[in-house]
Amino acid sequence: MNKHTRVWSLQEAKAKFSEVVRRAQTEGPQTVTVHGKVAVTISSPAKARGGRKKLTGADLVNALRANPGPDFELPQRERDSTLRDIDL
């Protein structure tokens, strides 16, 4: 296989799995084909996230506060609060 190619046959990917994984980490997504058709793409989690920082609960709160809110009201629903005792 050409060293610049990022498409692997299933047989070749199985035989060189460590290399496929290493290239996914260093060069980007690697495509594996079965009978000439794309079957899967192997990529590094860091590359898949796009190098973004890890989000926190504070980021979610800030995003919700920045949202102007919906243009509609949600109707109130009656709750079916049938409760039963559970022996623990």
Protein backbone atom coordinates (compact mmCIF):
# COMPACT_ATOMS: atom_id res chain seq x y z
CA MET A 1 0.00 0.00 0.00
CA ASN A 2 1.22 3.49 -0.82
CA LYS A 3 2.36 5.12 2.44
CA HIS A 4 0.24 8.22 1.69
CA THR A 5 -2.93 6.20 1.12
CA ARG A 6 -5.50 6.19 3.90
CA VAL A 7 -7.70 3.40 2.53
CA TRP A 8 -7.04 -0.16 3.64
CA SER A 9 -8.62 -3.45 2.58
CA LEU A 10 -9.97 -5.45 5.51
CA GLN A 11 -7.28 -8.12 5.10
CA GLU A 12 -4.51 -5.53 5.07
CA ALA A 13 -5.99 -3.62 8.02
CA LYS A 14 -6.17 -6.85 10.04
CA ALA A 15 -2.56 -7.72 9.21
CA LYS A 16 -1.29 -4.20 9.99
CA PHE A 17 -3.76 -3.11 12.67
CA SER A 18 -1.12 -1.45 14.86
CA GLU A 19 0.01 0.65 11.91
CA VAL A 20 -3.58 1.59 11.03
CA VAL A 21 -4.15 2.75 14.62
CA ARG A 22 -0.86 4.68 14.71
CA ARG A 23 -1.69 6.42 11.44
CA ALA A 24 -5.19 7.28 12.70
CA GLN A 25 -3.53 8.99 15.68
CA THR A 26 -0.87 10.83 13.68
CA GLU A 27 -2.25 11.34 10.15
CA GLY A 28 -6.02 11.34 10.61
CA PRO A 29 -8.91 8.98 9.86
CA GLN A 30 -8.15 5.65 8.17
CA THR A 31 -10.79 3.97 6.00
CA VAL A 32 -11.23 0.20 5.83
CA THR A 33 -13.03 -1.39 2.89
CA VAL A 34 -14.74 -4.75 2.48
CA HIS A 35 -15.10 -6.02 -1.08
CA GLY A 36 -14.11 -2.55 -2.31
CA LYS A 37 -16.84 -0.72 -0.37
CA VAL A 38 -16.22 1.51 2.63
CA ALA A 39 -17.00 -0.43 5.82
CA VAL A 40 -15.59 1.67 8.68
CA THR A 41 -13.41 4.67 9.41
CA ILE A 42 -10.94 4.52 12.28
CA SER A 43 -10.09 7.82 13.92
CA SER A 44 -8.42 9.11 17.05
CA PRO A 45 -10.80 10.38 19.76
CA ALA A 46 -8.76 13.58 20.08
CA LYS A 47 -9.04 14.18 16.33
CA ALA A 48 -12.78 13.32 16.35
CA ARG A 49 -13.44 15.95 19.04
CA GLY A 50 -11.50 18.45 16.99
CA GLY A 51 -9.17 19.23 19.87
CA ARG A 52 -11.91 21.06 21.77
CA LYS A 53 -11.62 21.53 25.49
CA LYS A 54 -13.59 19.29 27.81
CA LEU A 55 -16.94 20.89 28.58
CA THR A 56 -18.20 21.31 32.14
CA GLY A 57 -21.54 21.86 33.83
CA ALA A 58 -20.73 25.56 34.04
CA ASP A 59 -20.40 25.64 30.23
CA LEU A 60 -23.89 24.12 29.94
CA VAL A 61 -25.36 26.65 32.38
CA ASN A 62 -23.77 29.53 30.46
CA ALA A 63 -25.08 28.20 27.15
CA LEU A 64 -28.61 27.86 28.56
CA ARG A 65 -28.49 31.39 30.00
CA ALA A 66 -27.37 32.77 26.63
CA ASN A 67 -30.31 31.08 24.88
CA PRO A 68 -33.28 33.45 24.49
CA GLY A 69 -35.74 30.64 25.21
CA PRO A 70 -38.46 29.04 23.13
CA ASP A 71 -41.07 31.03 21.18
CA PHE A 72 -43.83 28.81 22.53
CA GLU A 73 -45.19 27.51 25.79
CA LEU A 74 -45.22 23.89 26.74
CA PRO A 75 -48.62 22.74 27.98
CA GLN A 76 -48.88 21.45 31.53
CA ARG A 77 -49.42 17.72 31.72
CA GLU A 78 -51.15 15.88 34.50
CA ARG A 79 -48.83 13.51 36.22
CA ASP A 80 -49.79 9.90 36.59
CA SER A 81 -48.31 9.52 40.02
CA THR A 82 -49.40 6.04 40.91
CA LEU A 83 -47.06 5.05 43.71
CA ARG A 84 -46.50 1.71 45.30
CA ASP A 85 -44.65 0.56 48.41
CA ILE A 86 -41.39 -1.27 47.90
CA ASP A 87 -39.86 -3.43 50.61
CA LEU A 88 -36.13 -2.88 50.90
